[in-house]
Amino acid sequence: MRRLIGVTAACGVLTITAVVPASAENLASQDVANAYSIMMTNSEGKSLVGGKNMLRQFAVVSAESGAADMPWLCDLTGSAEVEGKGGEEIVTMEFLSEKSQSVVEAVQEIYVYSNETQAKRAYDDIAKKIKRCEGKHQPADDEGLGNDPIGGTTTLTNGTKKAADGDPFLWVRSTTTVPGSGGLVEHDYKTVRHFGSYLQMVQVQSEGVSAPKITAKQIRIINLLTDSLGDRWKATFN
């Protein structure tokens, strides 16, 4: 399971963190500044997470061998989960905003593959696997919401969409509730898009006690950003 953010995260400070590999194969160190400049902006992040105080973090992570991380799609019943094939590097921009007893997070992730063929294979693999993100599931006891009470139920839906310019993308929506936890709930909506040697995931997540649902407006913004952010990256690096 992709571990979730803690609801006590401090969001009063704006920070930028770059973890830049010395031997990145696909995204050269001198390109990190370009990557930062085209990722999700402050105003775009705030349109999703809201709030007066917002924390921002930017990172580039590379594995010495194999995948830096896998694109995580959803948790199923028991210990089963749905993941894609990981990229050799990941570029991430994350925004957090604390609201009462909950935290809202917006994330853009770019998975970097060795070539366009590998990226397309990874996307096609996700297109098949994502169909499993459907219905109601009970993750295993150790797959609860962070360190919070276990025994939650996750409701999943998924599908495909196209942007106004015809660019296709996949999406997953989930809601997890934990009985007897004082109202602990987590809502999540994410998209997956392929272009060139990259996969992009854009996500908004709301977690905590009585955490607000993902709204139609947030979904509309995510869908628009899936296209515009991907196009910015594609124009710069393809």
C-alpha atoms as a PDB file:
ATOM      1  CA  MET A   1       0.000   0.000   0.000  1.00  0.00           C
ATOM      2  CA  ARG A   2       1.171   3.535  -0.700  1.00  0.00           C
ATOM      3  CA  ARG A   3       1.445   4.929   2.820  1.00  0.00           C
ATOM      4  CA  LEU A   4      -0.648   7.996   3.354  1.00  0.00           C
ATOM      5  CA  ILE A   5       0.316  11.384   4.688  1.00  0.00           C
ATOM      6  CA  GLY A   6      -0.135  12.030   8.397  1.00  0.00           C
ATOM      7  CA  VAL A   7      -2.913  14.368   9.449  1.00  0.00           C
ATOM      8  CA  THR A   8      -0.568  16.269  11.793  1.00  0.00           C
ATOM      9  CA  ALA A   9       1.750  17.479   9.016  1.00  0.00           C
ATOM     10  CA  ALA A  10       2.893  21.066   9.505  1.00  0.00           C
ATOM     11  CA  CYS A  11       1.771  23.221   6.603  1.00  0.00           C
ATOM     12  CA  GLY A  12       2.804  26.664   7.752  1.00  0.00           C
ATOM     13  CA  VAL A  13       6.077  26.835   5.809  1.00  0.00           C
ATOM     14  CA  LEU A  14       6.728  26.825   2.074  1.00  0.00           C
ATOM     15  CA  THR A  15       9.661  24.553   1.276  1.00  0.00           C
ATOM     16  CA  ILE A  16      11.399  23.178  -1.795  1.00  0.00           C
ATOM     17  CA  THR A  17      13.521  20.031  -1.592  1.00  0.00           C
ATOM     18  CA  ALA A  18      15.446  18.613  -4.541  1.00  0.00           C
ATOM     19  CA  VAL A  19      17.018  15.152  -4.281  1.00  0.00           C
ATOM     20  CA  VAL A  20      19.161  15.133  -7.410  1.00  0.00           C
ATOM     21  CA  PRO A  21      21.030  11.944  -8.421  1.00  0.00           C
ATOM     22  CA  ALA A  22      24.646  12.344  -9.476  1.00  0.00           C
ATOM     23  CA  SER A  23      24.381   9.690 -12.191  1.00  0.00           C
ATOM     24  CA  ALA A  24      20.854  10.075 -13.566  1.00  0.00           C
ATOM     25  CA  GLU A  25      20.669   8.289 -16.907  1.00  0.00           C
ATOM     26  CA  ASN A  26      17.629   9.931 -18.457  1.00  0.00           C
ATOM     27  CA  LEU A  27      17.155  13.292 -16.756  1.00  0.00           C
ATOM     28  CA  ALA A  28      20.525  15.017 -16.588  1.00  0.00           C
ATOM     29  CA  SER A  29      21.254  17.091 -13.501  1.00  0.00           C
ATOM     30  CA  GLN A  30      21.367  20.287 -15.552  1.00  0.00           C
ATOM     31  CA  ASP A  31      17.773  19.597 -16.651  1.00  0.00           C
ATOM     32  CA  VAL A  32      16.388  19.587 -13.104  1.00  0.00           C
ATOM     33  CA  ALA A  33      15.855  23.361 -13.172  1.00  0.00           C
ATOM     34  CA  ASN A  34      13.870  22.989 -16.392  1.00  0.00           C
ATOM     35  CA  ALA A  35      11.801  20.201 -14.828  1.00  0.00           C
ATOM     36  CA  TYR A  36      11.055  22.334 -11.782  1.00  0.00           C
ATOM     37  CA  SER A  37       9.965  25.263 -13.939  1.00  0.00           C
ATOM     38  CA  ILE A  38       7.278  23.257 -15.772  1.00  0.00           C
ATOM     39  CA  MET A  39       5.856  21.225 -12.893  1.00  0.00           C
ATOM     40  CA  MET A  40       2.631  22.097 -11.045  1.00  0.00           C
ATOM     41  CA  THR A  41       2.811  25.733  -9.924  1.00  0.00           C
ATOM     42  CA  ASN A  42       1.830  27.319  -6.612  1.00  0.00           C
ATOM     43  CA  SER A  43      -1.427  28.655  -8.048  1.00  0.00           C
ATOM     44  CA  GLU A  44      -2.277  25.304  -9.639  1.00  0.00           C
ATOM     45  CA  GLY A  45      -1.526  23.466  -6.394  1.00  0.00           C
ATOM     46  CA  LYS A  46      -3.563  25.918  -4.357  1.00  0.00           C
ATOM     47  CA  SER A  47      -6.525  25.518  -6.715  1.00  0.00           C
ATOM     48  CA  LEU A  48      -6.618  21.896  -5.558  1.00  0.00           C
ATOM     49  CA  VAL A  49      -5.635  21.989  -1.871  1.00  0.00           C
ATOM     50  CA  GLY A  50      -6.870  25.478  -0.869  1.00  0.00           C
ATOM     51  CA  GLY A  51      -6.147  26.833   2.618  1.00  0.00           C
ATOM     52  CA  LYS A  52      -4.131  29.844   3.772  1.00  0.00           C
ATOM     53  CA  ASN A  53      -0.943  27.898   4.522  1.00  0.00           C
ATOM     54  CA  MET A  54       0.548  25.487   2.010  1.00  0.00           C
ATOM     55  CA  LEU A  55       3.667  23.330   1.974  1.00  0.00           C
ATOM     56  CA  ARG A  56       5.406  22.529  -1.318  1.00  0.00           C
ATOM     57  CA  GLN A  57       8.084  19.942  -2.027  1.00  0.00           C
ATOM     58  CA  PHE A  58       9.936  19.201  -5.269  1.00  0.00           C
ATOM     59  CA  ALA A  59      12.146  16.134  -5.689  1.00  0.00           C
ATOM     60  CA  VAL A  60      13.991  14.125  -8.328  1.00  0.00           C
ATOM     61  CA  VAL A  61      14.815  10.561  -7.272  1.00  0.00           C
ATOM     62  CA  SER A  62      16.812   7.925  -9.150  1.00  0.00           C
ATOM     63  CA  ALA A  63      17.504   4.253  -8.426  1.00  0.00           C
ATOM     64  CA  GLU A  64      21.020   2.828  -8.788  1.00  0.00           C
ATOM     65  CA  SER A  65      19.421  -0.149 -10.541  1.00  0.00           C
ATOM     66  CA  GLY A  66      15.872  -1.115 -11.424  1.00  0.00           C
ATOM     67  CA  ALA A  67      12.884   1.112 -10.761  1.00  0.00           C
ATOM     68  CA  ALA A  68      12.975   4.097  -8.419  1.00  0.00           C
ATOM     69  CA  ASP A  69       9.348   3.366  -7.475  1.00  0.00           C
ATOM     70  CA  MET A  70       6.190   1.858  -8.922  1.00  0.00           C
ATOM     71  CA  PRO A  71       3.126   3.870 -10.012  1.00  0.00           C
ATOM     72  CA  TRP A  72       0.636   2.975  -7.275  1.00  0.00           C
ATOM     73  CA  LEU A  73      -3.000   2.735  -8.374  1.00  0.00           C
ATOM     74  CA  CYS A  74      -5.088   1.187  -5.577  1.00  0.00           C
ATOM     75  CA  ASP A  75      -5.312  -1.322  -2.696  1.00  0.00           C
ATOM     76  CA  LEU A  76      -7.544  -4.372  -2.989  1.00  0.00           C
ATOM     77  CA  THR A  77      -8.838  -6.915  -0.464  1.00  0.00           C
ATOM     78  CA  GLY A  78      -6.183  -8.460   1.754  1.00  0.00           C
ATOM     79  CA  SER A  79      -2.611  -7.549   0.863  1.00  0.00           C
ATOM     80  CA  ALA A  80      -3.286  -7.268  -2.878  1.00  0.00           C
ATOM     81  CA  GLU A  81      -2.584  -3.957  -4.561  1.00  0.00           C
ATOM     82  CA  VAL A  82      -2.399  -2.661  -8.105  1.00  0.00           C
ATOM     83  CA  GLU A  83       0.885  -1.130  -9.260  1.00  0.00           C
ATOM     84  CA  GLY A  84       2.426  -0.374 -12.617  1.00  0.00           C
ATOM     85  CA  LYS A  85       5.955  -0.829 -13.920  1.00  0.00           C
ATOM     86  CA  GLY A  86       8.257   1.741 -12.398  1.00  0.00           C
ATOM     87  CA  GLY A  87      10.530   4.236 -14.095  1.00  0.00           C
ATOM     88  CA  GLU A  88      14.259   4.654 -13.571  1.00  0.00           C
ATOM     89  CA  GLU A  89      13.629   8.118 -12.167  1.00  0.00           C
ATOM     90  CA  ILE A  90      10.707  10.023 -10.665  1.00  0.00           C
ATOM     91  CA  VAL A  91      10.179  13.786 -10.689  1.00  0.00           C
ATOM     92  CA  THR A  92       7.638  14.923  -8.096  1.00  0.00           C
ATOM     93  CA  MET A  93       5.909  18.143  -7.094  1.00  0.00           C
ATOM     94  CA  GLU A  94       3.720  17.896  -3.989  1.00  0.00           C
ATOM     95  CA  PHE A  95       1.486  20.396  -2.202  1.00  0.00           C
ATOM     96  CA  LEU A  96      -0.057  19.960   1.274  1.00  0.00           C
ATOM     97  CA  SER A  97      -2.667  22.031   3.083  1.00  0.00           C
ATOM     98  CA  GLU A  98      -3.986  21.320   6.577  1.00  0.00           C
ATOM     99  CA  LYS A  99      -7.676  21.887   7.213  1.00  0.00           C
ATOM    100  CA  SER A 100      -8.969  21.289  10.742  1.00  0.00           C
ATOM    101  CA  GLN A 101      -8.347  17.566  11.405  1.00  0.00           C
ATOM    102  CA  SER A 102      -7.572  16.663   7.802  1.00  0.00           C
ATOM    103  CA  VAL A 103      -4.894  17.221   5.176  1.00  0.00           C
ATOM    104  CA  VAL A 104      -5.404  17.771   1.445  1.00  0.00           C
ATOM    105  CA  GLU A 105      -2.569  16.773  -0.881  1.00  0.00           C
ATOM    106  CA  ALA A 106      -2.012  17.454  -4.586  1.00  0.00           C
ATOM    107  CA  VAL A 107       0.794  15.638  -6.419  1.00  0.00           C
ATOM    108  CA  GLN A 108       2.259  15.556  -9.913  1.00  0.00           C
ATOM    109  CA  GLU A 109       4.620  12.647 -10.591  1.00  0.00           C
ATOM    110  CA  ILE A 110       6.644  12.064 -13.762  1.00  0.00           C
ATOM    111  CA  TYR A 111       8.031   8.533 -14.208  1.00  0.00           C
ATOM    112  CA  VAL A 112      11.070   8.535 -16.507  1.00  0.00           C
ATOM    113  CA  TYR A 113      11.747   5.446 -18.662  1.00  0.00           C
ATOM    114  CA  SER A 114      14.729   4.514 -20.798  1.00  0.00           C
ATOM    115  CA  ASN A 115      12.835   5.088 -24.053  1.00  0.00           C
ATOM    116  CA  GLU A 116       9.380   5.647 -25.533  1.00  0.00           C
ATOM    117  CA  THR A 117       8.790   1.925 -26.082  1.00  0.00           C
ATOM    118  CA  GLN A 118       9.332   1.137 -22.405  1.00  0.00           C
ATOM    119  CA  ALA A 119       7.053   3.986 -21.343  1.00  0.00           C
ATOM    120  CA  LYS A 120       4.304   2.836 -23.725  1.00  0.00           C
ATOM    121  CA  ARG A 121       4.581  -0.726 -22.395  1.00  0.00           C
ATOM    122  CA  ALA A 122       4.272   0.595 -18.855  1.00  0.00           C
ATOM    123  CA  TYR A 123       1.159   2.574 -19.799  1.00  0.00           C
ATOM    124  CA  ASP A 124      -0.441  -0.372 -21.599  1.00  0.00           C
ATOM    125  CA  ASP A 125       0.278  -2.528 -18.532  1.00  0.00           C
ATOM    126  CA  ILE A 126      -1.472   0.030 -16.302  1.00  0.00           C
ATOM    127  CA  ALA A 127      -4.414   0.261 -18.727  1.00  0.00           C
ATOM    128  CA  LYS A 128      -4.996  -3.457 -18.167  1.00  0.00           C
ATOM    129  CA  LYS A 129      -4.334  -3.552 -14.429  1.00  0.00           C
ATOM    130  CA  ILE A 130      -6.343  -0.440 -13.565  1.00  0.00           C
ATOM    131  CA  LYS A 131      -9.568  -2.286 -14.358  1.00  0.00           C
ATOM    132  CA  ARG A 132      -9.048  -4.201 -11.106  1.00  0.00           C
ATOM    133  CA  CYS A 133      -9.553  -0.938  -9.185  1.00  0.00           C
ATOM    134  CA  GLU A 134     -13.294  -1.485  -8.940  1.00  0.00           C
ATOM    135  CA  GLY A 135     -15.865  -2.326  -6.267  1.00  0.00           C
ATOM    136  CA  LYS A 136     -15.499  -2.654  -2.480  1.00  0.00           C
ATOM    137  CA  HIS A 137     -12.392  -4.048  -0.808  1.00  0.00           C
ATOM    138  CA  GLN A 138     -11.088  -4.673   2.713  1.00  0.00           C
ATOM    139  CA  PRO A 139      -7.293  -4.223   2.832  1.00  0.00           C
ATOM    140  CA  ALA A 140      -5.336  -6.393   5.260  1.00  0.00           C
ATOM    141  CA  ASP A 141      -5.022  -5.269   8.885  1.00  0.00           C
ATOM    142  CA  ASP A 142      -1.532  -3.825   8.317  1.00  0.00           C
ATOM    143  CA  GLU A 143      -2.796  -1.834   5.329  1.00  0.00           C
ATOM    144  CA  GLY A 144      -4.782   0.691   7.356  1.00  0.00           C
ATOM    145  CA  LEU A 145      -4.635   4.470   7.021  1.00  0.00           C
ATOM    146  CA  GLY A 146      -1.106   5.201   8.216  1.00  0.00           C
ATOM    147  CA  ASN A 147      -0.945   4.585  11.980  1.00  0.00           C
ATOM    148  CA  ASP A 148      -4.685   5.019  12.405  1.00  0.00           C
ATOM    149  CA  PRO A 149      -7.261   2.315  13.226  1.00  0.00           C
ATOM    150  CA  ILE A 150      -7.431  -0.623  10.831  1.00  0.00           C
ATOM    151  CA  GLY A 151     -10.300  -2.520   9.263  1.00  0.00           C
ATOM    152  CA  GLY A 152     -11.320   0.039   6.672  1.00  0.00           C
ATOM    153  CA  THR A 153     -13.399  -0.480   3.549  1.00  0.00           C
ATOM    154  CA  THR A 154     -12.246   0.964   0.241  1.00  0.00           C
ATOM    155  CA  THR A 155     -14.657   1.715  -2.609  1.00  0.00           C
ATOM    156  CA  LEU A 156     -13.043   1.998  -6.049  1.00  0.00           C
ATOM    157  CA  THR A 157     -14.050   3.131  -9.530  1.00  0.00           C
ATOM    158  CA  ASN A 158     -11.938   3.649 -12.660  1.00  0.00           C
ATOM    159  CA  GLY A 159     -12.209   4.603 -16.301  1.00  0.00           C
ATOM    160  CA  THR A 160     -10.753   6.446 -19.279  1.00  0.00           C
ATOM    161  CA  LYS A 161     -11.207  10.019 -20.477  1.00  0.00           C
ATOM    162  CA  LYS A 162      -9.963  12.326 -23.217  1.00  0.00           C
ATOM    163  CA  ALA A 163      -8.883  15.929 -22.950  1.00  0.00           C
ATOM    164  CA  ALA A 164     -10.413  18.555 -25.205  1.00  0.00           C
ATOM    165  CA  ASP A 165      -7.498  18.131 -27.636  1.00  0.00           C
ATOM    166  CA  GLY A 166      -8.020  14.363 -27.752  1.00  0.00           C
ATOM    167  CA  ASP A 167      -5.177  13.263 -25.437  1.00  0.00           C
ATOM    168  CA  PRO A 168      -6.357  10.121 -23.570  1.00  0.00           C
ATOM    169  CA  PHE A 169      -5.765   9.353 -19.892  1.00  0.00           C
ATOM    170  CA  LEU A 170      -6.825   6.847 -17.226  1.00  0.00           C
ATOM    171  CA  TRP A 171      -8.355   7.630 -13.837  1.00  0.00           C
ATOM    172  CA  VAL A 172      -9.046   5.962 -10.475  1.00  0.00           C
ATOM    173  CA  ARG A 173     -11.252   7.265  -7.673  1.00  0.00           C
ATOM    174  CA  SER A 174     -11.355   5.784  -4.174  1.00  0.00           C
ATOM    175  CA  THR A 175     -12.932   6.344  -0.766  1.00  0.00           C
ATOM    176  CA  THR A 176     -11.728   4.533   2.351  1.00  0.00           C
ATOM    177  CA  THR A 177     -13.635   4.623   5.654  1.00  0.00           C
ATOM    178  CA  VAL A 178     -12.548   3.155   8.989  1.00  0.00           C
ATOM    179  CA  PRO A 179     -15.389   2.192  11.388  1.00  0.00           C
ATOM    180  CA  GLY A 180     -14.889   3.158  15.016  1.00  0.00           C
ATOM    181  CA  SER A 181     -12.114   5.627  14.231  1.00  0.00           C
ATOM    182  CA  GLY A 182     -13.989   8.817  15.027  1.00  0.00           C
ATOM    183  CA  GLY A 183     -14.794   9.565  11.415  1.00  0.00           C
ATOM    184  CA  LEU A 184     -11.438   8.838   9.765  1.00  0.00           C
ATOM    185  CA  VAL A 185     -11.822   8.796   5.987  1.00  0.00           C
ATOM    186  CA  GLU A 186      -9.638   9.145   2.902  1.00  0.00           C
ATOM    187  CA  HIS A 187     -10.732  10.304  -0.565  1.00  0.00           C
ATOM    188  CA  ASP A 188      -8.502  10.048  -3.619  1.00  0.00           C
ATOM    189  CA  TYR A 189      -8.664  10.818  -7.342  1.00  0.00           C
ATOM    190  CA  LYS A 190      -5.733  10.254  -9.706  1.00  0.00           C
ATOM    191  CA  THR A 191      -5.032  10.229 -13.438  1.00  0.00           C
ATOM    192  CA  VAL A 192      -2.378   8.485 -15.557  1.00  0.00           C
ATOM    193  CA  ARG A 193      -1.131   9.781 -18.910  1.00  0.00           C
ATOM    194  CA  HIS A 194       1.624   8.659 -21.308  1.00  0.00           C
ATOM    195  CA  PHE A 195       3.760  10.809 -23.604  1.00  0.00           C
ATOM    196  CA  GLY A 196       7.176  10.069 -25.060  1.00  0.00           C
ATOM    197  CA  SER A 197       9.449   8.323 -22.554  1.00  0.00           C
ATOM    198  CA  TYR A 198       7.307   9.365 -19.591  1.00  0.00           C
ATOM    199  CA  LEU A 199       4.237   8.516 -17.557  1.00  0.00           C
ATOM    200  CA  GLN A 200       2.503  11.250 -15.579  1.00  0.00           C
ATOM    201  CA  MET A 201       0.290  10.777 -12.537  1.00  0.00           C
ATOM    202  CA  VAL A 202      -1.696  13.702 -11.115  1.00  0.00           C
ATOM    203  CA  GLN A 203      -3.534  13.166  -7.842  1.00  0.00           C
ATOM    204  CA  VAL A 204      -5.607  14.926  -5.216  1.00  0.00           C
ATOM    205  CA  GLN A 205      -6.134  13.243  -1.841  1.00  0.00           C
ATOM    206  CA  SER A 206      -8.056  14.263   1.268  1.00  0.00           C
ATOM    207  CA  GLU A 207      -7.388  12.368   4.514  1.00  0.00           C
ATOM    208  CA  GLY A 208      -8.351  12.744   8.158  1.00  0.00           C
ATOM    209  CA  VAL A 209     -11.310  12.989  10.517  1.00  0.00           C
ATOM    210  CA  SER A 210     -14.351  14.015   8.471  1.00  0.00           C
ATOM    211  CA  ALA A 211     -12.042  14.797   5.546  1.00  0.00           C
ATOM    212  CA  PRO A 212     -13.894  16.597   2.734  1.00  0.00           C
ATOM    213  CA  LYS A 213     -14.869  14.618  -0.347  1.00  0.00           C
ATOM    214  CA  ILE A 214     -13.135  15.232  -3.643  1.00  0.00           C
ATOM    215  CA  THR A 215     -15.395  17.725  -5.389  1.00  0.00           C
ATOM    216  CA  ALA A 216     -16.508  17.887  -9.003  1.00  0.00           C
ATOM    217  CA  LYS A 217     -14.471  21.102  -9.283  1.00  0.00           C
ATOM    218  CA  GLN A 218     -11.294  19.376  -8.069  1.00  0.00           C
ATOM    219  CA  ILE A 219     -11.829  16.540 -10.536  1.00  0.00           C
ATOM    220  CA  ARG A 220     -12.360  19.037 -13.341  1.00  0.00           C
ATOM    221  CA  ILE A 221      -9.124  20.828 -12.387  1.00  0.00           C
ATOM    222  CA  ILE A 222      -7.180  17.547 -12.188  1.00  0.00           C
ATOM    223  CA  ASN A 223      -8.441  16.531 -15.626  1.00  0.00           C
ATOM    224  CA  LEU A 224      -7.412  19.894 -17.100  1.00  0.00           C
ATOM    225  CA  LEU A 225      -4.005  19.751 -15.394  1.00  0.00           C
ATOM    226  CA  THR A 226      -3.469  16.205 -16.647  1.00  0.00           C
ATOM    227  CA  ASP A 227      -3.515  17.678 -20.133  1.00  0.00           C
ATOM    228  CA  SER A 228      -1.797  21.045 -19.603  1.00  0.00           C
ATOM    229  CA  LEU A 229       0.967  19.796 -17.284  1.00  0.00           C
ATOM    230  CA  GLY A 230       1.669  16.862 -19.580  1.00  0.00           C
ATOM    231  CA  ASP A 231       1.790  19.156 -22.599  1.00  0.00           C
ATOM    232  CA  ARG A 232       4.268  21.457 -20.815  1.00  0.00           C
ATOM    233  CA  TRP A 233       6.533  18.526 -20.004  1.00  0.00           C
ATOM    234  CA  LYS A 234       6.187  17.061 -23.497  1.00  0.00           C
ATOM    235  CA  ALA A 235       7.079  20.377 -25.149  1.00  0.00           C
ATOM    236  CA  THR A 236      10.206  20.704 -22.993  1.00  0.00           C
ATOM    237  CA  PHE A 237      11.630  17.184 -22.910  1.00  0.00           C
ATOM    238  CA  ASN A 238      10.306  15.343 -25.982  1.00  0.00           C
END
